[in-house]
Amino acid sequence: MDRDGVIRKLPLGRVDLFARVSCYPDGRPGELFVTEAGHSGDHVACLWDALGIVTSLALQHGVPSKTIMEHFRGMRAADVCGTPNADPIKSALSAPDALARWWDERFPGEMARPSLAPEKETDHA
């Protein structure tokens, strides 16, 4: 099945991230993939994969993306990635903060949707 999506390069000083979001037919985000340009190492790549998987699962189970991104917004890194200027992404406090800032611009007002997970059977004993 083909899906529409969005790819955004997030320049963060010494590092460039690429956020790829695949969307449902109505334009709402359903999956997130994050990769870092360059050679960050297996551990860092694994952490980006984990962030994408957990975010994707939350989206697919009906968690509003606004709720997810509120937890990323404002995260600080010891070595600040961005540089202060008018661009909110380039002045980000960390990579997750940059992702949240871009997400807010790209998917404003994203609302919750019904869970796509299979319903669990309950035991009525």
Protein backbone atom coordinates (compact mmCIF):
# COMPACT_ATOMS: atom_id res chain seq x y z
CA MET A 1 0.00 0.00 0.00
CA ASP A 2 1.34 3.43 -0.91
CA ARG A 3 1.15 6.21 1.66
CA ASP A 4 1.67 9.91 1.34
CA GLY A 5 4.25 11.41 3.58
CA VAL A 6 6.52 14.27 4.45
CA ILE A 7 10.30 14.42 4.72
CA ARG A 8 11.98 17.31 6.48
CA LYS A 9 15.66 18.03 6.98
CA LEU A 10 16.23 19.49 10.44
CA PRO A 11 19.62 21.27 10.45
CA LEU A 12 20.89 21.38 14.02
CA GLY A 13 24.33 22.90 14.02
CA ARG A 14 26.78 20.02 13.65
CA VAL A 15 24.06 17.47 12.97
CA ASP A 16 21.36 17.14 10.33
CA LEU A 17 18.32 15.04 11.15
CA PHE A 18 15.80 13.79 8.65
CA ALA A 19 12.25 13.28 9.90
CA ARG A 20 10.05 11.17 7.65
CA VAL A 21 6.36 11.00 8.50
CA SER A 22 3.94 8.75 6.66
CA CYS A 23 0.37 9.94 6.76
CA TYR A 24 -3.10 8.47 6.64
CA PRO A 25 -5.26 9.36 3.61
CA ASP A 26 -6.80 12.24 5.60
CA GLY A 27 -3.32 13.77 6.16
CA ARG A 28 -2.87 12.85 9.81
CA PRO A 29 0.52 11.45 10.81
CA GLY A 30 0.71 7.71 11.41
CA GLU A 31 4.40 6.82 11.49
CA LEU A 32 7.65 8.60 12.29
CA PHE A 33 11.13 7.66 11.09
CA VAL A 34 14.13 9.69 12.24
CA THR A 35 17.63 9.36 10.81
CA GLU A 36 20.77 11.35 11.38
CA ALA A 37 22.96 12.32 8.45
CA GLY A 38 26.52 11.21 8.86
CA HIS A 39 28.07 8.58 11.03
CA SER A 40 26.57 8.90 14.48
CA GLY A 41 27.19 5.30 15.43
CA ASP A 42 25.00 2.30 16.01
CA HIS A 43 23.84 3.32 19.51
CA VAL A 44 22.56 6.73 18.42
CA ALA A 45 20.90 5.27 15.31
CA CYS A 46 19.23 2.68 17.54
CA LEU A 47 17.88 5.43 19.82
CA TRP A 48 16.44 7.31 16.82
CA ASP A 49 14.79 4.08 15.65
CA ALA A 50 13.32 3.55 19.12
CA LEU A 51 11.96 7.11 19.23
CA GLY A 52 10.30 6.57 15.86
CA ILE A 53 8.82 3.20 16.82
CA VAL A 54 7.38 4.42 20.12
CA THR A 55 5.97 7.58 18.50
CA SER A 56 4.46 5.52 15.66
CA LEU A 57 2.84 3.07 18.08
CA ALA A 58 1.39 5.91 20.13
CA LEU A 59 -0.04 7.57 17.00
CA GLN A 60 -1.51 4.28 15.80
CA HIS A 61 -3.17 3.72 19.17
CA GLY A 62 -4.92 7.07 19.16
CA VAL A 63 -2.57 9.25 21.21
CA PRO A 64 -2.81 12.78 19.80
CA SER A 65 0.47 13.88 18.26
CA LYS A 66 0.15 17.13 20.23
CA THR A 67 0.39 15.10 23.45
CA ILE A 68 3.49 13.26 22.22
CA MET A 69 5.25 16.38 21.01
CA GLU A 70 4.52 18.27 24.25
CA HIS A 71 6.92 15.83 25.91
CA PHE A 72 9.66 16.52 23.34
CA ARG A 73 9.21 20.30 23.35
CA GLY A 74 11.64 22.08 25.64
CA MET A 75 14.04 19.16 26.07
CA ARG A 76 17.55 20.51 26.48
CA ALA A 77 20.81 18.93 25.45
CA ALA A 78 24.05 19.74 27.25
CA ASP A 79 25.54 20.66 23.88
CA VAL A 80 22.79 22.83 22.42
CA CYS A 81 22.25 21.86 18.79
CA GLY A 82 20.71 25.00 17.44
CA THR A 83 21.79 28.58 17.03
CA PRO A 84 19.51 31.40 18.19
CA ASN A 85 17.80 33.22 15.33
CA ALA A 86 14.32 33.78 13.95
CA ASP A 87 13.94 30.19 12.68
CA PRO A 88 12.34 28.18 15.51
CA ILE A 89 13.98 24.95 14.36
CA LYS A 90 17.48 26.40 14.17
CA SER A 91 17.07 27.84 17.67
CA ALA A 92 15.96 24.49 19.11
CA LEU A 93 17.28 23.36 22.46
CA SER A 94 17.83 19.75 21.32
CA ALA A 95 16.98 17.37 18.52
CA PRO A 96 13.65 16.30 20.11
CA ASP A 97 12.78 19.97 20.66
CA ALA A 98 13.50 20.69 16.97
CA LEU A 99 11.31 17.77 15.94
CA ALA A 100 8.45 19.06 18.12
CA ARG A 101 8.80 22.61 16.78
CA TRP A 102 8.65 21.39 13.18
CA TRP A 103 5.77 19.00 13.95
CA ASP A 104 3.73 21.85 15.43
CA GLU A 105 4.21 23.84 12.21
CA ARG A 106 3.50 20.91 9.89
CA PHE A 107 0.61 19.25 11.74
CA PRO A 108 -1.20 22.05 13.60
CA GLY A 109 -4.29 21.01 15.52
CA GLU A 110 -3.73 17.26 15.04
CA MET A 111 -6.53 15.58 16.97
CA ALA A 112 -6.89 12.12 18.46
CA ARG A 113 -8.31 9.39 16.31
CA PRO A 114 -9.85 6.08 17.28
CA SER A 115 -7.37 3.37 18.13
CA LEU A 116 -6.33 1.15 15.24
CA ALA A 117 -5.18 -1.58 17.60
CA PRO A 118 -7.24 -4.77 17.75
CA GLU A 119 -9.70 -4.77 20.59
CA LYS A 120 -8.88 -7.02 23.52
CA GLU A 121 -11.41 -9.55 24.65
CA THR A 122 -12.48 -9.12 28.24
CA ASP A 123 -13.22 -11.97 30.60
CA HIS A 124 -16.69 -11.54 32.07
CA ALA A 125 -16.33 -14.15 34.80
